[in-house]
């Protein structure tokens, strides 16, 4: 299976947009950032990729990995 593109949540004139990495067009535009994050997470889970959440200033402020992380967290129990 081919790995998909990381999903970026970015500010959009009509609210917030979900864009695949390198795409010029938005996959989905939502009114709120929360809605866009939910869409991006669903796509990232399906494609086993990452989410990158950008703030209003355009800088990445959060993200999550839904793929095969080469450095998974170690359980300290």
PDB file of N, CA and C in Angstrom:
ATOM      1  N   UNK A   1       0.834  -1.176   0.000  1.00  0.00           N
ATOM      2  CA  UNK A   1       0.000   0.000   0.000  1.00  0.00           C
ATOM      3  C   UNK A   1       0.883   1.245   0.000  1.00  0.00           C
ATOM      4  N   UNK A   2       0.575   2.182  -0.836  1.00  0.00           N
ATOM      5  CA  UNK A   2       1.330   3.415  -0.924  1.00  0.00           C
ATOM      6  C   UNK A   2       0.958   4.328   0.228  1.00  0.00           C
ATOM      7  N   UNK A   3       1.969   4.899   0.830  1.00  0.00           N
ATOM      8  CA  UNK A   3       1.730   5.824   1.935  1.00  0.00           C
ATOM      9  C   UNK A   3       1.145   7.115   1.391  1.00  0.00           C
ATOM     10  N   UNK A   4       0.147   7.666   2.084  1.00  0.00           N
ATOM     11  CA  UNK A   4      -0.495   8.906   1.660  1.00  0.00           C
ATOM     12  C   UNK A   4       0.318  10.124   2.066  1.00  0.00           C
ATOM     13  N   UNK A   5      -0.296  11.280   1.914  1.00  0.00           N
ATOM     14  CA  UNK A   5       0.357  12.546   2.223  1.00  0.00           C
ATOM     15  C   UNK A   5      -0.006  12.997   3.636  1.00  0.00           C
ATOM     16  N   UNK A   6       0.945  13.678   4.288  1.00  0.00           N
ATOM     17  CA  UNK A   6       0.635  14.290   5.577  1.00  0.00           C
ATOM     18  C   UNK A   6      -0.478  15.307   5.376  1.00  0.00           C
ATOM     19  N   UNK A   7      -1.330  15.440   6.376  1.00  0.00           N
ATOM     20  CA  UNK A   7      -2.487  16.336   6.301  1.00  0.00           C
ATOM     21  C   UNK A   7      -2.220  17.595   7.127  1.00  0.00           C
ATOM     22  N   UNK A   8      -2.299  18.740   6.478  1.00  0.00           N
ATOM     23  CA  UNK A   8      -2.055  20.022   7.133  1.00  0.00           C
ATOM     24  C   UNK A   8      -3.376  20.751   7.351  1.00  0.00           C
ATOM     25  N   UNK A   9      -3.551  21.307   8.557  1.00  0.00           N
ATOM     26  CA  UNK A   9      -4.704  22.147   8.880  1.00  0.00           C
ATOM     27  C   UNK A   9      -4.196  23.588   8.842  1.00  0.00           C
ATOM     28  N   UNK A  10      -4.731  24.378   7.900  1.00  0.00           N
ATOM     29  CA  UNK A  10      -4.247  25.747   7.688  1.00  0.00           C
ATOM     30  C   UNK A  10      -5.404  26.737   7.635  1.00  0.00           C
ATOM     31  N   UNK A  11      -5.099  27.990   7.945  1.00  0.00           N
ATOM     32  CA  UNK A  11      -6.108  29.057   7.875  1.00  0.00           C
ATOM     33  C   UNK A  11      -6.539  29.234   6.428  1.00  0.00           C
ATOM     34  N   UNK A  12      -7.810  29.539   6.229  1.00  0.00           N
ATOM     35  CA  UNK A  12      -8.401  29.689   4.899  1.00  0.00           C
ATOM     36  C   UNK A  12      -9.339  30.895   4.957  1.00  0.00           C
ATOM     37  N   UNK A  13      -9.530  31.618   3.851  1.00  0.00           N
ATOM     38  CA  UNK A  13     -10.442  32.770   3.876  1.00  0.00           C
ATOM     39  C   UNK A  13     -11.856  32.440   4.371  1.00  0.00           C
ATOM     40  N   UNK A  14     -12.286  31.204   4.178  1.00  0.00           N
ATOM     41  CA  UNK A  14     -13.632  30.796   4.607  1.00  0.00           C
ATOM     42  C   UNK A  14     -13.620  30.018   5.919  1.00  0.00           C
ATOM     43  N   UNK A  15     -12.502  30.001   6.632  1.00  0.00           N
ATOM     44  CA  UNK A  15     -12.399  29.276   7.902  1.00  0.00           C
ATOM     45  C   UNK A  15     -11.055  28.575   8.003  1.00  0.00           C
ATOM     46  N   UNK A  16     -11.113  27.251   8.001  1.00  0.00           N
ATOM     47  CA  UNK A  16      -9.906  26.417   8.096  1.00  0.00           C
ATOM     48  C   UNK A  16      -9.958  25.351   7.021  1.00  0.00           C
ATOM     49  N   UNK A  17      -8.788  24.992   6.495  1.00  0.00           N
ATOM     50  CA  UNK A  17      -8.718  24.022   5.412  1.00  0.00           C
ATOM     51  C   UNK A  17      -7.830  22.845   5.787  1.00  0.00           C
ATOM     52  N   UNK A  18      -8.167  21.694   5.240  1.00  0.00           N
ATOM     53  CA  UNK A  18      -7.329  20.505   5.333  1.00  0.00           C
ATOM     54  C   UNK A  18      -6.705  20.334   3.958  1.00  0.00           C
ATOM     55  N   UNK A  19      -5.367  20.286   3.922  1.00  0.00           N
ATOM     56  CA  UNK A  19      -4.653  20.122   2.658  1.00  0.00           C
ATOM     57  C   UNK A  19      -3.648  18.992   2.780  1.00  0.00           C
ATOM     58  N   UNK A  20      -3.589  18.160   1.770  1.00  0.00           N
ATOM     59  CA  UNK A  20      -2.532  17.157   1.704  1.00  0.00           C
ATOM     60  C   UNK A  20      -1.216  17.860   1.403  1.00  0.00           C
ATOM     61  N   UNK A  21      -0.125  17.351   1.940  1.00  0.00           N
ATOM     62  CA  UNK A  21       1.190  17.966   1.729  1.00  0.00           C
ATOM     63  C   UNK A  21       1.466  18.136   0.242  1.00  0.00           C
ATOM     64  N   UNK A  22       1.836  19.349  -0.151  1.00  0.00           N
ATOM     65  CA  UNK A  22       2.167  19.638  -1.540  1.00  0.00           C
ATOM     66  C   UNK A  22       0.982  19.976  -2.420  1.00  0.00           C
ATOM     67  N   UNK A  23      -0.230  19.825  -1.910  1.00  0.00           N
ATOM     68  CA  UNK A  23      -1.424  20.136  -2.699  1.00  0.00           C
ATOM     69  C   UNK A  23      -1.702  21.637  -2.673  1.00  0.00           C
ATOM     70  N   UNK A  24      -2.163  22.165  -3.807  1.00  0.00           N
ATOM     71  CA  UNK A  24      -2.520  23.581  -3.841  1.00  0.00           C
ATOM     72  C   UNK A  24      -3.984  23.790  -3.449  1.00  0.00           C
ATOM     73  N   UNK A  25      -4.815  22.799  -3.681  1.00  0.00           N
ATOM     74  CA  UNK A  25      -6.239  22.905  -3.341  1.00  0.00           C
ATOM     75  C   UNK A  25      -6.525  22.187  -2.035  1.00  0.00           C
ATOM     76  N   UNK A  26      -7.493  22.720  -1.303  1.00  0.00           N
ATOM     77  CA  UNK A  26      -7.900  22.118  -0.035  1.00  0.00           C
ATOM     78  C   UNK A  26      -8.724  20.858  -0.288  1.00  0.00           C
ATOM     79  N   UNK A  27      -8.513  19.856   0.543  1.00  0.00           N
ATOM     80  CA  UNK A  27      -9.330  18.650   0.501  1.00  0.00           C
ATOM     81  C   UNK A  27     -10.702  18.963   1.071  1.00  0.00           C
ATOM     82  N   UNK A  28     -10.730  19.786   2.141  1.00  0.00           N
ATOM     83  CA  UNK A  28     -11.983  20.141   2.813  1.00  0.00           C
ATOM     84  C   UNK A  28     -11.784  21.485   3.501  1.00  0.00           C
ATOM     85  N   UNK A  29     -12.818  22.329   3.454  1.00  0.00           N
ATOM     86  CA  UNK A  29     -12.816  23.612   4.161  1.00  0.00           C
ATOM     87  C   UNK A  29     -13.920  23.559   5.205  1.00  0.00           C
ATOM     88  N   UNK A  30     -13.581  23.947   6.438  1.00  0.00           N
ATOM     89  CA  UNK A  30     -14.548  23.929   7.531  1.00  0.00           C
ATOM     90  C   UNK A  30     -14.617  25.315   8.171  1.00  0.00           C
ATOM     91  N   UNK A  31     -15.642  25.520   8.987  1.00  0.00           N
ATOM     92  CA  UNK A  31     -15.791  26.817   9.669  1.00  0.00           C
ATOM     93  C   UNK A  31     -14.816  26.960  10.822  1.00  0.00           C
ATOM     94  N   UNK A  32     -14.544  25.852  11.543  1.00  0.00           N
ATOM     95  CA  UNK A  32     -13.677  25.939  12.715  1.00  0.00           C
ATOM     96  C   UNK A  32     -12.428  25.087  12.561  1.00  0.00           C
ATOM     97  N   UNK A  33     -11.406  25.451  13.320  1.00  0.00           N
ATOM     98  CA  UNK A  33     -10.169  24.682  13.302  1.00  0.00           C
ATOM     99  C   UNK A  33     -10.415  23.281  13.884  1.00  0.00           C
ATOM    100  N   UNK A  34     -11.254  23.189  14.902  1.00  0.00           N
ATOM    101  CA  UNK A  34     -11.556  21.899  15.520  1.00  0.00           C
ATOM    102  C   UNK A  34     -12.130  20.919  14.493  1.00  0.00           C
ATOM    103  N   UNK A  35     -13.071  21.400  13.672  1.00  0.00           N
ATOM    104  CA  UNK A  35     -13.655  20.538  12.634  1.00  0.00           C
ATOM    105  C   UNK A  35     -12.587  20.101  11.631  1.00  0.00           C
ATOM    106  N   UNK A  36     -11.715  21.027  11.262  1.00  0.00           N
ATOM    107  CA  UNK A  36     -10.660  20.700  10.300  1.00  0.00           C
ATOM    108  C   UNK A  36      -9.697  19.668  10.869  1.00  0.00           C
ATOM    109  N   UNK A  37      -9.379  19.791  12.151  1.00  0.00           N
ATOM    110  CA  UNK A  37      -8.482  18.823  12.794  1.00  0.00           C
ATOM    111  C   UNK A  37      -9.111  17.435  12.780  1.00  0.00           C
ATOM    112  N   UNK A  38     -10.413  17.352  13.073  1.00  0.00           N
ATOM    113  CA  UNK A  38     -11.104  16.054  13.065  1.00  0.00           C
ATOM    114  C   UNK A  38     -11.049  15.411  11.684  1.00  0.00           C
ATOM    115  N   UNK A  39     -11.257  16.201  10.632  1.00  0.00           N
ATOM    116  CA  UNK A  39     -11.198  15.687   9.253  1.00  0.00           C
ATOM    117  C   UNK A  39      -9.772  15.222   8.936  1.00  0.00           C
ATOM    118  N   UNK A  40      -8.789  16.056   9.288  1.00  0.00           N
ATOM    119  CA  UNK A  40      -7.387  15.719   9.011  1.00  0.00           C
ATOM    120  C   UNK A  40      -6.976  14.436   9.733  1.00  0.00           C
ATOM    121  N   UNK A  41      -7.415  14.272  10.986  1.00  0.00           N
ATOM    122  CA  UNK A  41      -7.075  13.065  11.739  1.00  0.00           C
ATOM    123  C   UNK A  41      -7.681  11.818  11.106  1.00  0.00           C
ATOM    124  N   UNK A  42      -8.912  11.941  10.639  1.00  0.00           N
ATOM    125  CA  UNK A  42      -9.569  10.792   9.991  1.00  0.00           C
ATOM    126  C   UNK A  42      -8.811  10.387   8.720  1.00  0.00           C
ATOM    127  N   UNK A  43      -8.443  11.367   7.911  1.00  0.00           N
ATOM    128  CA  UNK A  43      -7.699  11.081   6.679  1.00  0.00           C
ATOM    129  C   UNK A  43      -6.344  10.481   7.021  1.00  0.00           C
ATOM    130  N   UNK A  44      -5.651  11.067   8.007  1.00  0.00           N
ATOM    131  CA  UNK A  44      -4.320  10.578   8.393  1.00  0.00           C
ATOM    132  C   UNK A  44      -4.382   9.146   8.915  1.00  0.00           C
ATOM    133  N   UNK A  45      -5.418   8.819   9.678  1.00  0.00           N
ATOM    134  CA  UNK A  45      -5.565   7.437  10.163  1.00  0.00           C
ATOM    135  C   UNK A  45      -5.749   6.481   8.985  1.00  0.00           C
ATOM    136  N   UNK A  46      -6.606   6.858   8.035  1.00  0.00           N
ATOM    137  CA  UNK A  46      -6.854   6.006   6.872  1.00  0.00           C
ATOM    138  C   UNK A  46      -5.612   5.812   6.027  1.00  0.00           C
ATOM    139  N   UNK A  47      -4.795   6.859   5.899  1.00  0.00           N
ATOM    140  CA  UNK A  47      -3.604   6.803   5.041  1.00  0.00           C
ATOM    141  C   UNK A  47      -2.334   6.470   5.819  1.00  0.00           C
ATOM    142  N   UNK A  48      -2.447   6.318   7.133  1.00  0.00           N
ATOM    143  CA  UNK A  48      -1.298   6.055   8.013  1.00  0.00           C
ATOM    144  C   UNK A  48      -0.217   7.115   7.821  1.00  0.00           C
ATOM    145  N   UNK A  49      -0.619   8.383   7.963  1.00  0.00           N
ATOM    146  CA  UNK A  49       0.297   9.504   7.820  1.00  0.00           C
ATOM    147  C   UNK A  49       0.231  10.381   9.063  1.00  0.00           C
ATOM    148  N   UNK A  50       0.691  11.620   8.955  1.00  0.00           N
ATOM    149  CA  UNK A  50       0.733  12.551  10.081  1.00  0.00           C
ATOM    150  C   UNK A  50      -0.216  13.713   9.861  1.00  0.00           C
ATOM    151  N   UNK A  51      -0.582  14.372  10.975  1.00  0.00           N
ATOM    152  CA  UNK A  51      -1.287  15.645  10.894  1.00  0.00           C
ATOM    153  C   UNK A  51      -0.327  16.736  11.332  1.00  0.00           C
ATOM    154  N   UNK A  52      -0.458  17.902  10.727  1.00  0.00           N
ATOM    155  CA  UNK A  52       0.315  19.088  11.082  1.00  0.00           C
ATOM    156  C   UNK A  52      -0.698  20.219  11.235  1.00  0.00           C
ATOM    157  N   UNK A  53      -0.879  20.711  12.445  1.00  0.00           N
ATOM    158  CA  UNK A  53      -1.854  21.754  12.713  1.00  0.00           C
ATOM    159  C   UNK A  53      -1.126  23.090  12.782  1.00  0.00           C
ATOM    160  N   UNK A  54      -1.495  23.994  11.897  1.00  0.00           N
ATOM    161  CA  UNK A  54      -0.880  25.319  11.841  1.00  0.00           C
ATOM    162  C   UNK A  54      -1.743  26.309  12.607  1.00  0.00           C
ATOM    163  N   UNK A  55      -1.103  27.282  13.255  1.00  0.00           N
ATOM    164  CA  UNK A  55      -1.820  28.345  13.929  1.00  0.00           C
ATOM    165  C   UNK A  55      -2.208  29.422  12.930  1.00  0.00           C
ATOM    166  N   UNK A  56      -2.852  30.469  13.409  1.00  0.00           N
ATOM    167  CA  UNK A  56      -3.257  31.589  12.556  1.00  0.00           C
ATOM    168  C   UNK A  56      -2.033  32.229  11.897  1.00  0.00           C
ATOM    169  N   UNK A  57      -0.880  32.194  12.594  1.00  0.00           N
ATOM    170  CA  UNK A  57       0.358  32.776  12.061  1.00  0.00           C
ATOM    171  C   UNK A  57       1.037  31.896  11.013  1.00  0.00           C
ATOM    172  N   UNK A  58       0.499  30.697  10.759  1.00  0.00           N
ATOM    173  CA  UNK A  58       1.054  29.802   9.754  1.00  0.00           C
ATOM    174  C   UNK A  58       2.082  28.817  10.286  1.00  0.00           C
ATOM    175  N   UNK A  59       2.543  29.002  11.513  1.00  0.00           N
ATOM    176  CA  UNK A  59       3.540  28.105  12.100  1.00  0.00           C
ATOM    177  C   UNK A  59       2.862  26.842  12.623  1.00  0.00           C
ATOM    178  N   UNK A  60       3.561  25.713  12.484  1.00  0.00           N
ATOM    179  CA  UNK A  60       3.027  24.453  13.002  1.00  0.00           C
ATOM    180  C   UNK A  60       3.014  24.538  14.529  1.00  0.00           C
ATOM    181  N   UNK A  61       1.836  24.275  15.112  1.00  0.00           N
ATOM    182  CA  UNK A  61       1.704  24.359  16.562  1.00  0.00           C
ATOM    183  C   UNK A  61       1.418  23.009  17.209  1.00  0.00           C
ATOM    184  N   UNK A  62       1.032  22.029  16.392  1.00  0.00           N
ATOM    185  CA  UNK A  62       0.729  20.696  16.919  1.00  0.00           C
ATOM    186  C   UNK A  62       0.738  19.694  15.778  1.00  0.00           C
ATOM    187  N   UNK A  63       0.680  18.440  16.124  1.00  0.00           N
ATOM    188  CA  UNK A  63       0.632  17.389  15.113  1.00  0.00           C
ATOM    189  C   UNK A  63       0.558  16.034  15.786  1.00  0.00           C
ATOM    190  N   UNK A  64       0.301  15.030  14.967  1.00  0.00           N
ATOM    191  CA  UNK A  64       0.207  13.676  15.476  1.00  0.00           C
ATOM    192  C   UNK A  64       0.571  12.710  14.364  1.00  0.00           C
ATOM    193  N   UNK A  65       1.105  11.568  14.749  1.00  0.00           N
ATOM    194  CA  UNK A  65       1.494  10.558  13.777  1.00  0.00           C
ATOM    195  C   UNK A  65       0.536   9.378  13.860  1.00  0.00           C
ATOM    196  N   UNK A  66       0.023   8.969  12.704  1.00  0.00           N
ATOM    197  CA  UNK A  66      -0.867   7.817  12.645  1.00  0.00           C
ATOM    198  C   UNK A  66      -0.280   6.703  11.787  1.00  0.00           C
ATOM    199  N   UNK A  67       1.007   6.824  11.480  1.00  0.00           N
ATOM    200  CA  UNK A  67       1.659   5.827  10.640  1.00  0.00           C
ATOM    201  C   UNK A  67       2.603   4.961  11.440  1.00  0.00           C
ATOM    202  N   UNK A  68       3.544   4.388  10.743  1.00  0.00           N
ATOM    203  CA  UNK A  68       4.554   3.564  11.380  1.00  0.00           C
ATOM    204  C   UNK A  68       5.679   4.459  11.859  1.00  0.00           C
ATOM    205  N   UNK A  69       5.608   4.861  13.110  1.00  0.00           N
ATOM    206  CA  UNK A  69       6.595   5.750  13.700  1.00  0.00           C
ATOM    207  C   UNK A  69       7.901   4.984  13.920  1.00  0.00           C
ATOM    208  N   UNK A  70       9.025   5.451  13.328  1.00  0.00           N
ATOM    209  CA  UNK A  70      10.289   4.738  13.521  1.00  0.00           C
ATOM    210  C   UNK A  70      10.809   4.853  14.951  1.00  0.00           C
ATOM    211  N   UNK A  71      10.293   5.811  15.737  1.00  0.00           N
ATOM    212  CA  UNK A  71      10.708   6.003  17.123  1.00  0.00           C
ATOM    213  C   UNK A  71       9.477   6.071  18.031  1.00  0.00           C
ATOM    214  N   UNK A  72       8.757   4.954  18.174  1.00  0.00           N
ATOM    215  CA  UNK A  72       7.544   4.980  18.991  1.00  0.00           C
ATOM    216  C   UNK A  72       7.882   5.250  20.448  1.00  0.00           C
ATOM    217  N   UNK A  73       6.955   5.836  21.213  1.00  0.00           N
ATOM    218  CA  UNK A  73       7.212   6.094  22.630  1.00  0.00           C
ATOM    219  C   UNK A  73       7.390   4.776  23.387  1.00  0.00           C
ATOM    220  N   UNK A  74       8.287   4.807  24.362  1.00  0.00           N
ATOM    221  CA  UNK A  74       8.513   3.606  25.166  1.00  0.00           C
ATOM    222  C   UNK A  74       7.666   3.679  26.421  1.00  0.00           C
ATOM    223  N   UNK A  75       6.968   2.591  26.715  1.00  0.00           N
ATOM    224  CA  UNK A  75       6.138   2.521  27.905  1.00  0.00           C
ATOM    225  C   UNK A  75       7.052   2.376  29.123  1.00  0.00           C
ATOM    226  N   UNK A  76       6.903   3.250  30.103  1.00  0.00           N
ATOM    227  CA  UNK A  76       7.796   3.262  31.271  1.00  0.00           C
ATOM    228  C   UNK A  76       7.155   2.594  32.489  1.00  0.00           C
ATOM    229  N   UNK A  77       6.225   1.663  32.282  1.00  0.00           N
ATOM    230  CA  UNK A  77       5.566   0.990  33.410  1.00  0.00           C
ATOM    231  C   UNK A  77       6.439  -0.093  33.979  1.00  0.00           C
TER     232      UNK A  77
END
